[in-house]
Amino acid sequence: MKSTIKWSLWTGTDSQWDAQILNLDSPCVYQSASWARHRANFGWRAIRFVSETNSCYAQVLYKSVFKHAVAWIPGGPLGDLTELNMNLVAIIQQVTKNSRVYVRFNSLNTSDERCEQVLLTNRWRQAATKLSSGLSLNYALEKDEAARRSALSTNWSRNLRRGESRNALPYLWTQASVETISDLYRQLSEYKDLTESSEIPNATTISSLVNDCKTELRIFRCDDETGRPLSMRGALVFGDKAWDIFAAVSPQGRKQYSSHVTTWALFNYCASEHCTTYDLSGIDPINNKGVYDFKRGTGATEVKYIGEWETGSPFYVQPIVGRLLRYRKTF
């Protein structure tokens, strides 16, 4: 049945917004105020909306692209997605003062056939050109360390033991250096012969995350005997969930299995912070099998998200802008 729910502009403060979405069943850091500040450094402006039932919330990032207002809802909306309808699109048009609006969201809720049928009824379509696979691995943190160790794959468990015998203890890096993180990514890029991609963030992106998401950011680092970094792994913690955000290792760190001990230390820390789930932030079993195998070896559970959906107004906007966006690697 088509939704007729109306939407209104949400006008509270950043802290009030975060407090509100943290009360929902599945809050997401990509809908937080800090993520909006981070993306503002790249030209995105944030506006927030709530459905009339107070059952669905959306932090919308928007900018002008191809003479259209392009609206992007990362990690959301949050709440009851069956309330997403063209009334949301209409109020985005009104607030942005643009008659041509393209809207895409990327829900990190688990795939739900009933919800997806309602979205189709409400004039949403699955994105033709996706920015992510729509798949991830969720690592459960509720069990004690011994139980989680027993769930590791044979190879991951062996490499963790090797790493523990060859490395100093990883530590929480409270004064993370953008230059050091960038250099580790540079070494990783050269070793794997990678071009700049979502796997290899540039220094501007790293700086923005470190400075604007510092309240949520937790980074663990493993050093050699001289204090030089061998590996680091970082997550954004929001509510009782953590999302993988940084991961890099030097060539020497690869030989010493430093990534395994650093990842394990971060898992244990997040568990001590009362996180129940660690989202390993996307997998691509075909095109990035090495990373997929590393993540799967932790014993994490594969999940399929509702993922990326798009719509537009007038009706012709969605297919036109959707096709044009295939040339962009990220939002």
C-alpha atoms as a PDB file:
ATOM      1  CA  MET A   1       0.000   0.000   0.000  1.00  0.00           C
ATOM      2  CA  LYS A   2       1.354   3.423  -0.979  1.00  0.00           C
ATOM      3  CA  SER A   3       2.414   5.601   1.958  1.00  0.00           C
ATOM      4  CA  THR A   4       0.749   8.995   2.421  1.00  0.00           C
ATOM      5  CA  ILE A   5       2.856   9.957   5.456  1.00  0.00           C
ATOM      6  CA  LYS A   6       3.917  13.614   5.466  1.00  0.00           C
ATOM      7  CA  TRP A   7       7.369  14.871   6.388  1.00  0.00           C
ATOM      8  CA  SER A   8       8.611  18.007   8.118  1.00  0.00           C
ATOM      9  CA  LEU A   9      11.931  19.782   8.571  1.00  0.00           C
ATOM     10  CA  TRP A  10      13.726  18.861  11.812  1.00  0.00           C
ATOM     11  CA  THR A  11      15.107  22.005  13.446  1.00  0.00           C
ATOM     12  CA  GLY A  12      16.948  20.899  16.599  1.00  0.00           C
ATOM     13  CA  THR A  13      20.656  21.141  17.373  1.00  0.00           C
ATOM     14  CA  ASP A  14      23.360  18.665  16.387  1.00  0.00           C
ATOM     15  CA  SER A  15      23.466  17.193  19.899  1.00  0.00           C
ATOM     16  CA  GLN A  16      19.678  16.874  19.990  1.00  0.00           C
ATOM     17  CA  TRP A  17      19.734  15.104  16.624  1.00  0.00           C
ATOM     18  CA  ASP A  18      22.320  12.581  17.818  1.00  0.00           C
ATOM     19  CA  ALA A  19      20.395  11.973  21.039  1.00  0.00           C
ATOM     20  CA  GLN A  20      17.205  11.400  19.038  1.00  0.00           C
ATOM     21  CA  ILE A  21      18.635   8.882  16.576  1.00  0.00           C
ATOM     22  CA  LEU A  22      20.499   7.041  19.337  1.00  0.00           C
ATOM     23  CA  ASN A  23      17.083   6.207  20.785  1.00  0.00           C
ATOM     24  CA  LEU A  24      16.132   4.329  17.607  1.00  0.00           C
ATOM     25  CA  ASP A  25      16.588   0.574  17.218  1.00  0.00           C
ATOM     26  CA  SER A  26      19.436   0.785  14.708  1.00  0.00           C
ATOM     27  CA  PRO A  27      21.239   4.140  14.888  1.00  0.00           C
ATOM     28  CA  CYS A  28      23.976   4.644  12.305  1.00  0.00           C
ATOM     29  CA  VAL A  29      27.083   6.805  12.530  1.00  0.00           C
ATOM     30  CA  TYR A  30      26.644   7.902   8.907  1.00  0.00           C
ATOM     31  CA  GLN A  31      23.454   9.678   9.990  1.00  0.00           C
ATOM     32  CA  SER A  32      25.210  11.456  12.869  1.00  0.00           C
ATOM     33  CA  ALA A  33      26.034  15.136  13.189  1.00  0.00           C
ATOM     34  CA  SER A  34      29.775  14.441  13.065  1.00  0.00           C
ATOM     35  CA  TRP A  35      29.412  12.677   9.703  1.00  0.00           C
ATOM     36  CA  ALA A  36      27.526  15.699   8.371  1.00  0.00           C
ATOM     37  CA  ARG A  37      30.377  17.970   9.515  1.00  0.00           C
ATOM     38  CA  HIS A  38      32.886  15.670   7.853  1.00  0.00           C
ATOM     39  CA  ARG A  39      31.006  15.676   4.543  1.00  0.00           C
ATOM     40  CA  ALA A  40      30.544  19.474   4.717  1.00  0.00           C
ATOM     41  CA  ASN A  41      34.284  19.706   4.023  1.00  0.00           C
ATOM     42  CA  PHE A  42      33.528  18.289   0.570  1.00  0.00           C
ATOM     43  CA  GLY A  43      30.694  20.620  -0.356  1.00  0.00           C
ATOM     44  CA  TRP A  44      27.718  18.745   1.101  1.00  0.00           C
ATOM     45  CA  ARG A  45      25.063  20.620   3.070  1.00  0.00           C
ATOM     46  CA  ALA A  46      22.958  18.802   5.665  1.00  0.00           C
ATOM     47  CA  ILE A  47      19.224  19.067   6.235  1.00  0.00           C
ATOM     48  CA  ARG A  48      17.167  16.826   8.507  1.00  0.00           C
ATOM     49  CA  PHE A  49      13.612  15.559   8.293  1.00  0.00           C
ATOM     50  CA  VAL A  50      11.185  13.548  10.396  1.00  0.00           C
ATOM     51  CA  SER A  51       7.979  11.779   9.404  1.00  0.00           C
ATOM     52  CA  GLU A  52       4.723  12.918  10.995  1.00  0.00           C
ATOM     53  CA  THR A  53       4.551   9.704  13.052  1.00  0.00           C
ATOM     54  CA  ASN A  54       8.090  10.280  14.444  1.00  0.00           C
ATOM     55  CA  SER A  55       8.877   6.792  13.175  1.00  0.00           C
ATOM     56  CA  CYS A  56      11.435   7.677  10.507  1.00  0.00           C
ATOM     57  CA  TYR A  57      14.309  10.186  10.482  1.00  0.00           C
ATOM     58  CA  ALA A  58      16.548  11.266   7.614  1.00  0.00           C
ATOM     59  CA  GLN A  59      19.709  13.356   7.567  1.00  0.00           C
ATOM     60  CA  VAL A  60      19.997  14.407   3.937  1.00  0.00           C
ATOM     61  CA  LEU A  61      23.226  15.683   2.394  1.00  0.00           C
ATOM     62  CA  TYR A  62      22.818  17.641  -0.794  1.00  0.00           C
ATOM     63  CA  LYS A  63      24.720  19.609  -3.415  1.00  0.00           C
ATOM     64  CA  SER A  64      24.208  20.813  -6.962  1.00  0.00           C
ATOM     65  CA  VAL A  65      25.372  18.350  -9.633  1.00  0.00           C
ATOM     66  CA  PHE A  66      24.548  18.550 -13.355  1.00  0.00           C
ATOM     67  CA  LYS A  67      22.134  21.460 -12.597  1.00  0.00           C
ATOM     68  CA  HIS A  68      20.107  19.235 -10.281  1.00  0.00           C
ATOM     69  CA  ALA A  69      19.943  19.040  -6.504  1.00  0.00           C
ATOM     70  CA  VAL A  70      21.481  15.686  -5.677  1.00  0.00           C
ATOM     71  CA  ALA A  71      20.407  14.442  -2.249  1.00  0.00           C
ATOM     72  CA  TRP A  72      22.273  11.599  -0.555  1.00  0.00           C
ATOM     73  CA  ILE A  73      21.161   9.798   2.620  1.00  0.00           C
ATOM     74  CA  PRO A  74      24.132   7.689   3.778  1.00  0.00           C
ATOM     75  CA  GLY A  75      23.352   4.950   6.296  1.00  0.00           C
ATOM     76  CA  GLY A  76      19.708   5.926   6.390  1.00  0.00           C
ATOM     77  CA  PRO A  77      16.996   6.931   6.713  1.00  0.00           C
ATOM     78  CA  LEU A  78      16.560   5.480  10.191  1.00  0.00           C
ATOM     79  CA  GLY A  79      13.404   3.890  11.507  1.00  0.00           C
ATOM     80  CA  ASP A  80      10.421   2.699   9.488  1.00  0.00           C
ATOM     81  CA  LEU A  81      11.503   2.810   5.845  1.00  0.00           C
ATOM     82  CA  THR A  82       7.987   2.029   4.631  1.00  0.00           C
ATOM     83  CA  GLU A  83       7.235   5.705   5.379  1.00  0.00           C
ATOM     84  CA  LEU A  84       9.631   6.847   2.626  1.00  0.00           C
ATOM     85  CA  ASN A  85       7.538   8.375  -0.120  1.00  0.00           C
ATOM     86  CA  MET A  86       7.386  11.248  -2.588  1.00  0.00           C
ATOM     87  CA  ASN A  87       6.337  13.602   0.217  1.00  0.00           C
ATOM     88  CA  LEU A  88       9.937  13.399   1.451  1.00  0.00           C
ATOM     89  CA  VAL A  89      11.147  14.275  -2.037  1.00  0.00           C
ATOM     90  CA  ALA A  90       8.701  17.199  -2.179  1.00  0.00           C
ATOM     91  CA  ILE A  91       9.963  18.730   1.046  1.00  0.00           C
ATOM     92  CA  ILE A  92      13.576  18.287  -0.118  1.00  0.00           C
ATOM     93  CA  GLN A  93      12.607  20.250  -3.237  1.00  0.00           C
ATOM     94  CA  GLN A  94      11.020  22.918  -1.054  1.00  0.00           C
ATOM     95  CA  VAL A  95      13.934  23.293   1.365  1.00  0.00           C
ATOM     96  CA  THR A  96      16.644  23.214  -1.310  1.00  0.00           C
ATOM     97  CA  LYS A  97      14.604  25.544  -3.541  1.00  0.00           C
ATOM     98  CA  ASN A  98      15.237  23.316  -6.528  1.00  0.00           C
ATOM     99  CA  SER A  99      12.519  21.935  -8.796  1.00  0.00           C
ATOM    100  CA  ARG A 100      14.695  19.090 -10.050  1.00  0.00           C
ATOM    101  CA  VAL A 101      15.819  16.730  -7.302  1.00  0.00           C
ATOM    102  CA  TYR A 102      17.511  13.336  -7.397  1.00  0.00           C
ATOM    103  CA  VAL A 103      17.457  11.381  -4.115  1.00  0.00           C
ATOM    104  CA  ARG A 104      19.428   8.281  -3.218  1.00  0.00           C
ATOM    105  CA  PHE A 105      19.619   6.524   0.123  1.00  0.00           C
ATOM    106  CA  ASN A 106      21.776   3.664   1.346  1.00  0.00           C
ATOM    107  CA  SER A 107      20.087   1.777   4.168  1.00  0.00           C
ATOM    108  CA  LEU A 108      22.285  -0.431   6.325  1.00  0.00           C
ATOM    109  CA  ASN A 109      19.256  -2.282   7.672  1.00  0.00           C
ATOM    110  CA  THR A 110      19.155  -5.992   6.881  1.00  0.00           C
ATOM    111  CA  SER A 111      17.390  -6.807   3.614  1.00  0.00           C
ATOM    112  CA  ASP A 112      13.618  -7.012   4.115  1.00  0.00           C
ATOM    113  CA  GLU A 113      11.393  -8.210   1.262  1.00  0.00           C
ATOM    114  CA  ARG A 114       8.218  -6.574   2.615  1.00  0.00           C
ATOM    115  CA  CYS A 115       9.952  -3.215   3.079  1.00  0.00           C
ATOM    116  CA  GLU A 116      11.427  -3.386  -0.405  1.00  0.00           C
ATOM    117  CA  GLN A 117       8.001  -4.059  -1.928  1.00  0.00           C
ATOM    118  CA  VAL A 118       6.604  -0.973  -0.188  1.00  0.00           C
ATOM    119  CA  LEU A 119       9.537   1.105  -1.453  1.00  0.00           C
ATOM    120  CA  LEU A 120       8.694   0.038  -5.013  1.00  0.00           C
ATOM    121  CA  THR A 121       5.072   1.034  -4.440  1.00  0.00           C
ATOM    122  CA  ASN A 122       6.261   4.422  -3.170  1.00  0.00           C
ATOM    123  CA  ARG A 123       8.168   5.067  -6.440  1.00  0.00           C
ATOM    124  CA  TRP A 124      11.653   4.115  -5.261  1.00  0.00           C
ATOM    125  CA  ARG A 125      13.877   1.937  -7.434  1.00  0.00           C
ATOM    126  CA  GLN A 126      17.006   0.003  -6.587  1.00  0.00           C
ATOM    127  CA  ALA A 127      19.978   2.040  -7.801  1.00  0.00           C
ATOM    128  CA  ALA A 128      21.088   0.899 -11.240  1.00  0.00           C
ATOM    129  CA  THR A 129      24.693   1.977 -10.648  1.00  0.00           C
ATOM    130  CA  LYS A 130      25.625   1.151  -7.071  1.00  0.00           C
ATOM    131  CA  LEU A 131      28.463   2.668  -5.078  1.00  0.00           C
ATOM    132  CA  SER A 132      28.807  -0.431  -2.885  1.00  0.00           C
ATOM    133  CA  SER A 133      28.051  -4.142  -3.017  1.00  0.00           C
ATOM    134  CA  GLY A 134      25.244  -3.965  -0.451  1.00  0.00           C
ATOM    135  CA  LEU A 135      26.987  -6.765   1.454  1.00  0.00           C
ATOM    136  CA  SER A 136      28.963  -6.649   4.671  1.00  0.00           C
ATOM    137  CA  LEU A 137      30.127  -8.745   7.591  1.00  0.00           C
ATOM    138  CA  ASN A 138      28.952  -8.105  11.139  1.00  0.00           C
ATOM    139  CA  TYR A 139      31.252  -9.239  13.934  1.00  0.00           C
ATOM    140  CA  ALA A 140      29.493 -10.044  17.218  1.00  0.00           C
ATOM    141  CA  LEU A 141      31.241  -8.621  20.287  1.00  0.00           C
ATOM    142  CA  GLU A 142      28.928  -9.876  23.032  1.00  0.00           C
ATOM    143  CA  LYS A 143      30.816 -13.104  23.751  1.00  0.00           C
ATOM    144  CA  ASP A 144      34.006 -13.118  25.821  1.00  0.00           C
ATOM    145  CA  GLU A 145      37.417 -13.123  24.140  1.00  0.00           C
ATOM    146  CA  ALA A 146      37.972 -16.864  24.530  1.00  0.00           C
ATOM    147  CA  ALA A 147      34.677 -17.653  22.810  1.00  0.00           C
ATOM    148  CA  ARG A 148      35.435 -15.217  20.009  1.00  0.00           C
ATOM    149  CA  ARG A 149      38.886 -16.738  19.527  1.00  0.00           C
ATOM    150  CA  SER A 150      37.326 -20.168  19.122  1.00  0.00           C
ATOM    151  CA  ALA A 151      35.168 -18.797  16.265  1.00  0.00           C
ATOM    152  CA  LEU A 152      38.174 -17.609  14.220  1.00  0.00           C
ATOM    153  CA  SER A 153      39.049 -19.497  11.069  1.00  0.00           C
ATOM    154  CA  THR A 154      42.049 -21.830  11.346  1.00  0.00           C
ATOM    155  CA  ASN A 155      44.174 -19.520   9.204  1.00  0.00           C
ATOM    156  CA  TRP A 156      43.141 -16.329  11.047  1.00  0.00           C
ATOM    157  CA  SER A 157      43.762 -17.944  14.429  1.00  0.00           C
ATOM    158  CA  ARG A 158      47.218 -19.146  13.352  1.00  0.00           C
ATOM    159  CA  ASN A 159      48.153 -15.720  11.990  1.00  0.00           C
ATOM    160  CA  LEU A 160      46.948 -14.030  15.160  1.00  0.00           C
ATOM    161  CA  ARG A 161      49.217 -16.271  17.252  1.00  0.00           C
ATOM    162  CA  ARG A 162      52.101 -15.510  14.906  1.00  0.00           C
ATOM    163  CA  GLY A 163      51.387 -11.803  15.175  1.00  0.00           C
ATOM    164  CA  GLU A 164      51.253 -11.932  18.965  1.00  0.00           C
ATOM    165  CA  SER A 165      54.685 -13.575  19.072  1.00  0.00           C
ATOM    166  CA  ARG A 166      56.276 -11.094  16.610  1.00  0.00           C
ATOM    167  CA  ASN A 167      54.796  -7.732  17.603  1.00  0.00           C
ATOM    168  CA  ALA A 168      54.596  -5.420  20.564  1.00  0.00           C
ATOM    169  CA  LEU A 169      51.129  -4.899  22.010  1.00  0.00           C
ATOM    170  CA  PRO A 170      48.951  -2.579  19.908  1.00  0.00           C
ATOM    171  CA  TYR A 171      47.678   0.511  21.700  1.00  0.00           C
ATOM    172  CA  LEU A 172      44.894   3.064  21.485  1.00  0.00           C
ATOM    173  CA  TRP A 173      46.262   5.931  19.409  1.00  0.00           C
ATOM    174  CA  THR A 174      44.693   8.977  21.026  1.00  0.00           C
ATOM    175  CA  GLN A 175      46.669  11.631  19.115  1.00  0.00           C
ATOM    176  CA  ALA A 176      46.388  10.202  15.623  1.00  0.00           C
ATOM    177  CA  SER A 177      48.603  11.875  13.023  1.00  0.00           C
ATOM    178  CA  VAL A 178      47.130  12.507   9.590  1.00  0.00           C
ATOM    179  CA  GLU A 179      50.636  12.365   8.075  1.00  0.00           C
ATOM    180  CA  THR A 180      51.381   8.978   9.656  1.00  0.00           C
ATOM    181  CA  ILE A 181      48.070   7.486   8.574  1.00  0.00           C
ATOM    182  CA  SER A 182      48.574   8.831   5.058  1.00  0.00           C
ATOM    183  CA  ASP A 183      52.065   7.363   4.909  1.00  0.00           C
ATOM    184  CA  LEU A 184      50.817   3.919   5.951  1.00  0.00           C
ATOM    185  CA  TYR A 185      48.192   4.093   3.210  1.00  0.00           C
ATOM    186  CA  ARG A 186      50.884   5.203   0.744  1.00  0.00           C
ATOM    187  CA  GLN A 187      52.973   2.143   1.616  1.00  0.00           C
ATOM    188  CA  LEU A 188      49.927  -0.103   1.262  1.00  0.00           C
ATOM    189  CA  SER A 189      49.045   1.471  -2.082  1.00  0.00           C
ATOM    190  CA  GLU A 190      52.566   1.016  -3.463  1.00  0.00           C
ATOM    191  CA  TYR A 191      52.792  -2.562  -2.206  1.00  0.00           C
ATOM    192  CA  LYS A 192      49.431  -3.563  -3.733  1.00  0.00           C
ATOM    193  CA  ASP A 193      49.835  -1.280  -6.792  1.00  0.00           C
ATOM    194  CA  LEU A 194      46.547   0.475  -6.074  1.00  0.00           C
ATOM    195  CA  THR A 195      45.313   3.778  -7.420  1.00  0.00           C
ATOM    196  CA  GLU A 196      43.416   6.165  -5.151  1.00  0.00           C
ATOM    197  CA  SER A 197      40.065   4.611  -4.279  1.00  0.00           C
ATOM    198  CA  SER A 198      37.667   4.171  -1.395  1.00  0.00           C
ATOM    199  CA  GLU A 199      40.193   1.645  -0.049  1.00  0.00           C
ATOM    200  CA  ILE A 200      42.964   4.260  -0.166  1.00  0.00           C
ATOM    201  CA  PRO A 201      41.638   7.578   1.195  1.00  0.00           C
ATOM    202  CA  ASN A 202      43.581  10.726   0.410  1.00  0.00           C
ATOM    203  CA  ALA A 203      45.100  13.025   3.032  1.00  0.00           C
ATOM    204  CA  THR A 204      42.188  15.474   2.828  1.00  0.00           C
ATOM    205  CA  THR A 205      39.660  12.750   3.632  1.00  0.00           C
ATOM    206  CA  ILE A 206      41.829  11.383   6.448  1.00  0.00           C
ATOM    207  CA  SER A 207      42.247  14.853   7.958  1.00  0.00           C
ATOM    208  CA  SER A 208      38.509  15.491   7.800  1.00  0.00           C
ATOM    209  CA  LEU A 209      37.687  12.199   9.531  1.00  0.00           C
ATOM    210  CA  VAL A 210      40.312  12.667  12.245  1.00  0.00           C
ATOM    211  CA  ASN A 211      39.216  16.230  12.999  1.00  0.00           C
ATOM    212  CA  ASP A 212      35.439  16.101  12.564  1.00  0.00           C
ATOM    213  CA  CYS A 213      34.715  12.567  13.782  1.00  0.00           C
ATOM    214  CA  LYS A 214      37.175  12.570  16.677  1.00  0.00           C
ATOM    215  CA  THR A 215      34.450  11.978  19.273  1.00  0.00           C
ATOM    216  CA  GLU A 216      33.521   8.677  17.607  1.00  0.00           C
ATOM    217  CA  LEU A 217      36.942   7.679  16.227  1.00  0.00           C
ATOM    218  CA  ARG A 218      38.980   4.903  17.861  1.00  0.00           C
ATOM    219  CA  ILE A 219      42.298   3.914  16.272  1.00  0.00           C
ATOM    220  CA  PHE A 220      44.648   1.154  17.373  1.00  0.00           C
ATOM    221  CA  ARG A 221      48.260   1.157  16.243  1.00  0.00           C
ATOM    222  CA  CYS A 222      51.053  -1.419  16.291  1.00  0.00           C
ATOM    223  CA  ASP A 223      54.706  -0.267  16.174  1.00  0.00           C
ATOM    224  CA  ASP A 224      58.076  -1.868  15.553  1.00  0.00           C
ATOM    225  CA  GLU A 225      60.885  -1.757  18.118  1.00  0.00           C
ATOM    226  CA  THR A 226      61.900   1.754  17.004  1.00  0.00           C
ATOM    227  CA  GLY A 227      58.395   3.181  17.318  1.00  0.00           C
ATOM    228  CA  ARG A 228      57.596   3.237  13.612  1.00  0.00           C
ATOM    229  CA  PRO A 229      54.026   2.168  12.773  1.00  0.00           C
ATOM    230  CA  LEU A 230      53.522  -1.275  11.289  1.00  0.00           C
ATOM    231  CA  SER A 231      49.738  -1.209  11.100  1.00  0.00           C
ATOM    232  CA  MET A 232      46.703   0.687  12.277  1.00  0.00           C
ATOM    233  CA  ARG A 233      42.968   0.053  12.282  1.00  0.00           C
ATOM    234  CA  GLY A 234      40.239   2.507  13.160  1.00  0.00           C
ATOM    235  CA  ALA A 235      36.506   2.434  13.791  1.00  0.00           C
ATOM    236  CA  LEU A 236      33.726   4.918  14.388  1.00  0.00           C
ATOM    237  CA  VAL A 237      31.781   4.075  17.557  1.00  0.00           C
ATOM    238  CA  PHE A 238      28.213   5.321  17.816  1.00  0.00           C
ATOM    239  CA  GLY A 239      25.832   3.892  20.373  1.00  0.00           C
ATOM    240  CA  ASP A 240      26.453   0.172  20.781  1.00  0.00           C
ATOM    241  CA  LYS A 241      27.891  -0.373  17.306  1.00  0.00           C
ATOM    242  CA  ALA A 242      31.254   0.239  15.615  1.00  0.00           C
ATOM    243  CA  TRP A 243      31.960   0.739  11.908  1.00  0.00           C
ATOM    244  CA  ASP A 244      35.310  -0.036  10.282  1.00  0.00           C
ATOM    245  CA  ILE A 245      36.776   3.175   8.833  1.00  0.00           C
ATOM    246  CA  PHE A 246      40.607   2.892   8.599  1.00  0.00           C
ATOM    247  CA  ALA A 247      42.880  -0.084   7.895  1.00  0.00           C
ATOM    248  CA  ALA A 248      46.471   0.044   6.650  1.00  0.00           C
ATOM    249  CA  VAL A 249      49.656  -1.950   7.102  1.00  0.00           C
ATOM    250  CA  SER A 250      53.277  -1.509   6.022  1.00  0.00           C
ATOM    251  CA  PRO A 251      55.142  -4.176   4.002  1.00  0.00           C
ATOM    252  CA  GLN A 252      57.054  -5.141   7.162  1.00  0.00           C
ATOM    253  CA  GLY A 253      53.804  -5.296   9.101  1.00  0.00           C
ATOM    254  CA  ARG A 254      52.415  -7.764   6.558  1.00  0.00           C
ATOM    255  CA  LYS A 255      55.344 -10.080   7.248  1.00  0.00           C
ATOM    256  CA  GLN A 256      54.743  -9.830  10.995  1.00  0.00           C
ATOM    257  CA  TYR A 257      50.940 -10.276  10.819  1.00  0.00           C
ATOM    258  CA  SER A 258      50.557  -6.890  12.482  1.00  0.00           C
ATOM    259  CA  SER A 259      47.089  -6.391  10.979  1.00  0.00           C
ATOM    260  CA  HIS A 260      45.779  -9.401  12.863  1.00  0.00           C
ATOM    261  CA  VAL A 261      46.919  -8.253  16.299  1.00  0.00           C
ATOM    262  CA  THR A 262      45.824  -4.656  15.657  1.00  0.00           C
ATOM    263  CA  THR A 263      42.372  -5.720  14.489  1.00  0.00           C
ATOM    264  CA  TRP A 264      42.016  -8.060  17.450  1.00  0.00           C
ATOM    265  CA  ALA A 265      43.025  -5.323  19.901  1.00  0.00           C
ATOM    266  CA  LEU A 266      40.418  -2.987  18.385  1.00  0.00           C
ATOM    267  CA  PHE A 267      37.729  -5.687  18.614  1.00  0.00           C
ATOM    268  CA  ASN A 268      38.541  -6.229  22.289  1.00  0.00           C
ATOM    269  CA  TYR A 269      38.508  -2.510  22.993  1.00  0.00           C
ATOM    270  CA  CYS A 270      35.110  -2.053  21.311  1.00  0.00           C
ATOM    271  CA  ALA A 271      33.760  -4.957  23.362  1.00  0.00           C
ATOM    272  CA  SER A 272      35.026  -3.260  26.529  1.00  0.00           C
ATOM    273  CA  GLU A 273      33.192  -0.094  25.397  1.00  0.00           C
ATOM    274  CA  HIS A 274      29.953  -2.136  25.414  1.00  0.00           C
ATOM    275  CA  CYS A 275      29.632  -2.351  21.647  1.00  0.00           C
ATOM    276  CA  THR A 276      27.607  -5.389  20.617  1.00  0.00           C
ATOM    277  CA  THR A 277      28.428  -5.354  16.890  1.00  0.00           C
ATOM    278  CA  TYR A 278      31.373  -4.365  14.710  1.00  0.00           C
ATOM    279  CA  ASP A 279      30.378  -3.701  11.103  1.00  0.00           C
ATOM    280  CA  LEU A 280      33.334  -4.483   8.856  1.00  0.00           C
ATOM    281  CA  SER A 281      31.990  -1.900   6.391  1.00  0.00           C
ATOM    282  CA  GLY A 282      31.424  -3.701   3.170  1.00  0.00           C
ATOM    283  CA  ILE A 283      32.771  -6.679   1.277  1.00  0.00           C
ATOM    284  CA  ASP A 284      33.357  -7.523  -2.348  1.00  0.00           C
ATOM    285  CA  PRO A 285      34.009 -11.285  -2.571  1.00  0.00           C
ATOM    286  CA  ILE A 286      34.795 -11.110  -6.291  1.00  0.00           C
ATOM    287  CA  ASN A 287      36.795  -7.930  -6.893  1.00  0.00           C
ATOM    288  CA  ASN A 288      38.490  -7.665  -3.502  1.00  0.00           C
ATOM    289  CA  LYS A 289      38.829 -11.264  -2.373  1.00  0.00           C
ATOM    290  CA  GLY A 290      41.913 -10.729  -0.181  1.00  0.00           C
ATOM    291  CA  VAL A 291      40.156  -8.195   2.046  1.00  0.00           C
ATOM    292  CA  TYR A 292      37.002 -10.331   2.016  1.00  0.00           C
ATOM    293  CA  ASP A 293      38.927 -13.402   3.190  1.00  0.00           C
ATOM    294  CA  PHE A 294      40.604 -11.410   5.981  1.00  0.00           C
ATOM    295  CA  LYS A 295      37.273 -10.086   7.245  1.00  0.00           C
ATOM    296  CA  ARG A 296      35.458 -13.410   6.904  1.00  0.00           C
ATOM    297  CA  GLY A 297      38.226 -15.166   8.830  1.00  0.00           C
ATOM    298  CA  THR A 298      37.247 -13.274  11.989  1.00  0.00           C
ATOM    299  CA  GLY A 299      34.098 -15.380  12.217  1.00  0.00           C
ATOM    300  CA  ALA A 300      31.854 -12.458  11.282  1.00  0.00           C
ATOM    301  CA  THR A 301      28.410 -13.116   9.803  1.00  0.00           C
ATOM    302  CA  GLU A 302      27.637 -12.037   6.253  1.00  0.00           C
ATOM    303  CA  VAL A 303      24.675  -9.676   5.886  1.00  0.00           C
ATOM    304  CA  LYS A 304      22.807  -8.242   2.925  1.00  0.00           C
ATOM    305  CA  TYR A 305      21.522  -4.708   3.366  1.00  0.00           C
ATOM    306  CA  ILE A 306      18.437  -3.043   1.916  1.00  0.00           C
ATOM    307  CA  GLY A 307      21.125  -0.958   0.271  1.00  0.00           C
ATOM    308  CA  GLU A 308      20.916   1.781  -2.347  1.00  0.00           C
ATOM    309  CA  TRP A 309      17.605   3.057  -3.710  1.00  0.00           C
ATOM    310  CA  GLU A 310      16.868   6.114  -5.809  1.00  0.00           C
ATOM    311  CA  THR A 311      14.031   8.322  -6.982  1.00  0.00           C
ATOM    312  CA  GLY A 312      13.572  11.775  -8.431  1.00  0.00           C
ATOM    313  CA  SER A 313      11.196  14.568  -9.273  1.00  0.00           C
ATOM    314  CA  PRO A 314      10.138  15.267 -11.971  1.00  0.00           C
ATOM    315  CA  PHE A 315       9.942  11.600 -13.015  1.00  0.00           C
ATOM    316  CA  TYR A 316      12.698  11.858 -15.650  1.00  0.00           C
ATOM    317  CA  VAL A 317      15.341  13.024 -13.151  1.00  0.00           C
ATOM    318  CA  GLN A 318      16.037   9.628 -11.591  1.00  0.00           C
ATOM    319  CA  PRO A 319      17.066   7.740 -14.770  1.00  0.00           C
ATOM    320  CA  ILE A 320      19.075  10.670 -16.165  1.00  0.00           C
ATOM    321  CA  VAL A 321      21.073  11.532 -13.018  1.00  0.00           C
ATOM    322  CA  GLY A 322      21.342   7.868 -12.046  1.00  0.00           C
ATOM    323  CA  ARG A 323      23.125   7.152 -15.323  1.00  0.00           C
ATOM    324  CA  LEU A 324      25.388  10.193 -15.013  1.00  0.00           C
ATOM    325  CA  LEU A 325      26.456   9.182 -11.508  1.00  0.00           C
ATOM    326  CA  ARG A 326      27.981   5.953 -12.811  1.00  0.00           C
ATOM    327  CA  TYR A 327      31.062   8.053 -13.622  1.00  0.00           C
ATOM    328  CA  ARG A 328      31.497   9.044  -9.963  1.00  0.00           C
ATOM    329  CA  LYS A 329      33.262   6.562  -7.649  1.00  0.00           C
ATOM    330  CA  THR A 330      31.835   7.995  -4.454  1.00  0.00           C
ATOM    331  CA  PHE A 331      29.330  10.497  -3.125  1.00  0.00           C
END
